[in-house]
């Protein structure tokens, strides 16, 4: 993984979200998995909120990048996002885990999702496609 974000987003990926997710990925705290992930969401206001995965020796306390980005969004007073970019260094673009899919569904089931690896491979989807049977209380 490069320490400096790439300037060019893959075709079809919003440049500003790509850069924010890459910057977050560079700050991930991953002493156990060594698998840094960055995520960035865009609120309807246009504001971007980024997050990185933050591991803990008690693995259940680990926070995924997608959850970190949503927590930043909610902490700032926003409740919806329209787009999400997830960046990883996996050979194939990494998808959010099951818990993250439900967290994302809570706030934006129709949001556009760009799953990208650092080589620029892109998979485009929506939150609802990632969690087709998501639930609401």
C-alpha atoms as a PDB file:
ATOM      1  CA  UNK A   1       0.000   0.000   0.000  1.00  0.00           C
ATOM      2  CA  UNK A   2       1.251   3.425  -0.889  1.00  0.00           C
ATOM      3  CA  UNK A   3       1.582   5.947   1.906  1.00  0.00           C
ATOM      4  CA  UNK A   4       0.418   8.691  -0.451  1.00  0.00           C
ATOM      5  CA  UNK A   5      -3.036   8.593  -1.998  1.00  0.00           C
ATOM      6  CA  UNK A   6      -3.225   8.165  -5.753  1.00  0.00           C
ATOM      7  CA  UNK A   7      -4.515  11.290  -7.443  1.00  0.00           C
ATOM      8  CA  UNK A   8      -6.593   9.469 -10.028  1.00  0.00           C
ATOM      9  CA  UNK A   9      -9.786   7.708  -9.049  1.00  0.00           C
ATOM     10  CA  UNK A  10     -10.800   4.727 -11.175  1.00  0.00           C
ATOM     11  CA  UNK A  11     -13.292   5.634 -13.906  1.00  0.00           C
ATOM     12  CA  UNK A  12     -16.765   6.062 -12.439  1.00  0.00           C
ATOM     13  CA  UNK A  13     -15.621   6.644  -8.840  1.00  0.00           C
ATOM     14  CA  UNK A  14     -16.108  10.143  -7.406  1.00  0.00           C
ATOM     15  CA  UNK A  15     -12.623  11.656  -7.098  1.00  0.00           C
ATOM     16  CA  UNK A  16     -13.217  13.417  -3.779  1.00  0.00           C
ATOM     17  CA  UNK A  17     -14.625  10.287  -2.096  1.00  0.00           C
ATOM     18  CA  UNK A  18     -11.783   8.188  -3.507  1.00  0.00           C
ATOM     19  CA  UNK A  19      -9.156  10.532  -2.074  1.00  0.00           C
ATOM     20  CA  UNK A  20     -10.893  10.724   1.323  1.00  0.00           C
ATOM     21  CA  UNK A  21     -11.135   6.923   1.517  1.00  0.00           C
ATOM     22  CA  UNK A  22      -7.486   6.514   0.528  1.00  0.00           C
ATOM     23  CA  UNK A  23      -6.385   9.031   3.180  1.00  0.00           C
ATOM     24  CA  UNK A  24      -8.438   7.172   5.783  1.00  0.00           C
ATOM     25  CA  UNK A  25      -6.970   3.837   4.684  1.00  0.00           C
ATOM     26  CA  UNK A  26      -3.475   5.247   5.229  1.00  0.00           C
ATOM     27  CA  UNK A  27      -4.473   5.970   8.860  1.00  0.00           C
ATOM     28  CA  UNK A  28      -6.006   2.565   9.626  1.00  0.00           C
ATOM     29  CA  UNK A  29      -4.885   0.906  12.865  1.00  0.00           C
ATOM     30  CA  UNK A  30      -4.419  -2.750  11.892  1.00  0.00           C
ATOM     31  CA  UNK A  31      -1.661  -4.366  14.005  1.00  0.00           C
ATOM     32  CA  UNK A  32      -3.396  -7.773  13.939  1.00  0.00           C
ATOM     33  CA  UNK A  33      -4.845  -8.284  10.463  1.00  0.00           C
ATOM     34  CA  UNK A  34      -2.514  -5.968   8.569  1.00  0.00           C
ATOM     35  CA  UNK A  35      -5.538  -5.308   6.304  1.00  0.00           C
ATOM     36  CA  UNK A  36      -6.098  -1.536   6.140  1.00  0.00           C
ATOM     37  CA  UNK A  37      -9.445  -0.323   4.837  1.00  0.00           C
ATOM     38  CA  UNK A  38     -10.652   3.215   4.263  1.00  0.00           C
ATOM     39  CA  UNK A  39     -14.210   4.360   3.666  1.00  0.00           C
ATOM     40  CA  UNK A  40     -15.826   7.681   2.857  1.00  0.00           C
ATOM     41  CA  UNK A  41     -19.508   8.616   2.667  1.00  0.00           C
ATOM     42  CA  UNK A  42     -21.129  11.697   1.156  1.00  0.00           C
ATOM     43  CA  UNK A  43     -24.101  13.255   2.932  1.00  0.00           C
ATOM     44  CA  UNK A  44     -26.837  15.008   0.932  1.00  0.00           C
ATOM     45  CA  UNK A  45     -25.253  18.280   2.116  1.00  0.00           C
ATOM     46  CA  UNK A  46     -22.146  17.328   0.108  1.00  0.00           C
ATOM     47  CA  UNK A  47     -20.017  16.895   3.221  1.00  0.00           C
ATOM     48  CA  UNK A  48     -17.711  13.880   3.177  1.00  0.00           C
ATOM     49  CA  UNK A  49     -17.102  11.769   6.269  1.00  0.00           C
ATOM     50  CA  UNK A  50     -14.247   9.266   6.264  1.00  0.00           C
ATOM     51  CA  UNK A  51     -13.313   6.373   8.482  1.00  0.00           C
ATOM     52  CA  UNK A  52     -10.667   3.687   8.808  1.00  0.00           C
ATOM     53  CA  UNK A  53     -10.735   0.301  10.456  1.00  0.00           C
ATOM     54  CA  UNK A  54      -9.461   0.411  14.039  1.00  0.00           C
ATOM     55  CA  UNK A  55      -8.526  -2.966  15.511  1.00  0.00           C
ATOM     56  CA  UNK A  56      -8.352  -3.975  19.136  1.00  0.00           C
ATOM     57  CA  UNK A  57      -6.769  -6.952  20.905  1.00  0.00           C
ATOM     58  CA  UNK A  58     -10.323  -7.833  21.952  1.00  0.00           C
ATOM     59  CA  UNK A  59     -11.374  -8.470  18.348  1.00  0.00           C
ATOM     60  CA  UNK A  60     -15.077  -7.897  19.025  1.00  0.00           C
ATOM     61  CA  UNK A  61     -14.257  -4.266  19.833  1.00  0.00           C
ATOM     62  CA  UNK A  62     -12.730  -3.673  16.405  1.00  0.00           C
ATOM     63  CA  UNK A  63     -14.475  -1.015  14.301  1.00  0.00           C
ATOM     64  CA  UNK A  64     -14.650  -1.382  10.541  1.00  0.00           C
ATOM     65  CA  UNK A  65     -13.939   1.548   8.233  1.00  0.00           C
ATOM     66  CA  UNK A  66     -17.538   1.703   7.019  1.00  0.00           C
ATOM     67  CA  UNK A  67     -18.845   1.914  10.580  1.00  0.00           C
ATOM     68  CA  UNK A  68     -16.246   4.571  11.438  1.00  0.00           C
ATOM     69  CA  UNK A  69     -17.392   6.707   8.495  1.00  0.00           C
ATOM     70  CA  UNK A  70     -21.072   6.342   9.442  1.00  0.00           C
ATOM     71  CA  UNK A  71     -20.270   7.163  13.068  1.00  0.00           C
ATOM     72  CA  UNK A  72     -18.508  10.356  11.925  1.00  0.00           C
ATOM     73  CA  UNK A  73     -21.561  11.239   9.793  1.00  0.00           C
ATOM     74  CA  UNK A  74     -23.978  10.713  12.689  1.00  0.00           C
ATOM     75  CA  UNK A  75     -21.722  12.495  15.200  1.00  0.00           C
ATOM     76  CA  UNK A  76     -21.796  15.545  12.917  1.00  0.00           C
ATOM     77  CA  UNK A  77     -25.605  15.511  12.983  1.00  0.00           C
ATOM     78  CA  UNK A  78     -26.257  13.957   9.570  1.00  0.00           C
ATOM     79  CA  UNK A  79     -28.525  10.917   9.195  1.00  0.00           C
ATOM     80  CA  UNK A  80     -28.290   9.943   5.520  1.00  0.00           C
ATOM     81  CA  UNK A  81     -25.572   9.382   2.951  1.00  0.00           C
ATOM     82  CA  UNK A  82     -25.853   9.067  -0.811  1.00  0.00           C
ATOM     83  CA  UNK A  83     -22.530   7.484  -1.813  1.00  0.00           C
ATOM     84  CA  UNK A  84     -19.881   5.283  -0.229  1.00  0.00           C
ATOM     85  CA  UNK A  85     -16.367   4.413  -1.385  1.00  0.00           C
ATOM     86  CA  UNK A  86     -14.543   1.512   0.292  1.00  0.00           C
ATOM     87  CA  UNK A  87     -10.824   1.132  -0.497  1.00  0.00           C
ATOM     88  CA  UNK A  88      -8.745  -1.921   0.372  1.00  0.00           C
ATOM     89  CA  UNK A  89      -5.560  -3.511  -0.884  1.00  0.00           C
ATOM     90  CA  UNK A  90      -7.222  -6.900  -1.489  1.00  0.00           C
ATOM     91  CA  UNK A  91      -6.778  -8.597  -4.864  1.00  0.00           C
ATOM     92  CA  UNK A  92     -10.523  -8.226  -5.455  1.00  0.00           C
ATOM     93  CA  UNK A  93     -12.344  -5.190  -4.002  1.00  0.00           C
ATOM     94  CA  UNK A  94     -13.391  -6.001  -0.436  1.00  0.00           C
ATOM     95  CA  UNK A  95     -17.075  -5.884   0.433  1.00  0.00           C
ATOM     96  CA  UNK A  96     -18.424  -4.671   3.781  1.00  0.00           C
ATOM     97  CA  UNK A  97     -18.908  -7.351   6.439  1.00  0.00           C
ATOM     98  CA  UNK A  98     -22.416  -8.385   7.473  1.00  0.00           C
ATOM     99  CA  UNK A  99     -22.523  -6.069  10.485  1.00  0.00           C
ATOM    100  CA  UNK A 100     -21.441  -3.115   8.334  1.00  0.00           C
ATOM    101  CA  UNK A 101     -24.060  -3.941   5.728  1.00  0.00           C
ATOM    102  CA  UNK A 102     -26.795  -3.630   8.355  1.00  0.00           C
ATOM    103  CA  UNK A 103     -25.320  -0.362   9.702  1.00  0.00           C
ATOM    104  CA  UNK A 104     -25.187   1.050   6.157  1.00  0.00           C
ATOM    105  CA  UNK A 105     -28.763  -0.132   5.477  1.00  0.00           C
ATOM    106  CA  UNK A 106     -29.985   1.696   8.595  1.00  0.00           C
ATOM    107  CA  UNK A 107     -28.971   5.042   7.110  1.00  0.00           C
ATOM    108  CA  UNK A 108     -28.993   4.662   3.326  1.00  0.00           C
ATOM    109  CA  UNK A 109     -30.345   1.498   1.681  1.00  0.00           C
ATOM    110  CA  UNK A 110     -30.362   3.145  -1.762  1.00  0.00           C
ATOM    111  CA  UNK A 111     -26.857   4.665  -1.536  1.00  0.00           C
ATOM    112  CA  UNK A 112     -24.477   3.986  -4.408  1.00  0.00           C
ATOM    113  CA  UNK A 113     -21.443   1.932  -3.284  1.00  0.00           C
ATOM    114  CA  UNK A 114     -18.042   1.871  -4.976  1.00  0.00           C
ATOM    115  CA  UNK A 115     -15.816  -1.010  -3.843  1.00  0.00           C
ATOM    116  CA  UNK A 116     -12.277  -0.385  -5.071  1.00  0.00           C
ATOM    117  CA  UNK A 117      -8.861  -1.887  -4.489  1.00  0.00           C
ATOM    118  CA  UNK A 118      -5.616   0.068  -4.598  1.00  0.00           C
ATOM    119  CA  UNK A 119      -4.936  -1.342  -8.092  1.00  0.00           C
ATOM    120  CA  UNK A 120      -8.070   0.464  -9.303  1.00  0.00           C
ATOM    121  CA  UNK A 121     -10.362  -2.562  -9.752  1.00  0.00           C
ATOM    122  CA  UNK A 122     -13.942  -1.385  -9.220  1.00  0.00           C
ATOM    123  CA  UNK A 123     -17.183  -3.111  -8.266  1.00  0.00           C
ATOM    124  CA  UNK A 124     -20.211  -0.802  -8.195  1.00  0.00           C
ATOM    125  CA  UNK A 125     -23.401  -1.697  -6.305  1.00  0.00           C
ATOM    126  CA  UNK A 126     -25.900  -0.301  -3.787  1.00  0.00           C
ATOM    127  CA  UNK A 127     -26.359  -0.905  -0.082  1.00  0.00           C
ATOM    128  CA  UNK A 128     -29.664  -2.703  -0.779  1.00  0.00           C
ATOM    129  CA  UNK A 129     -27.937  -5.022  -3.257  1.00  0.00           C
ATOM    130  CA  UNK A 130     -25.316  -5.838  -0.615  1.00  0.00           C
ATOM    131  CA  UNK A 131     -28.037  -6.574   1.961  1.00  0.00           C
ATOM    132  CA  UNK A 132     -31.183  -7.569   0.027  1.00  0.00           C
ATOM    133  CA  UNK A 133     -33.119  -8.596   3.145  1.00  0.00           C
ATOM    134  CA  UNK A 134     -32.025  -5.786   5.467  1.00  0.00           C
ATOM    135  CA  UNK A 135     -34.402  -4.989   8.258  1.00  0.00           C
ATOM    136  CA  UNK A 136     -35.807  -1.984  10.066  1.00  0.00           C
ATOM    137  CA  UNK A 137     -37.521  -1.837  13.419  1.00  0.00           C
END
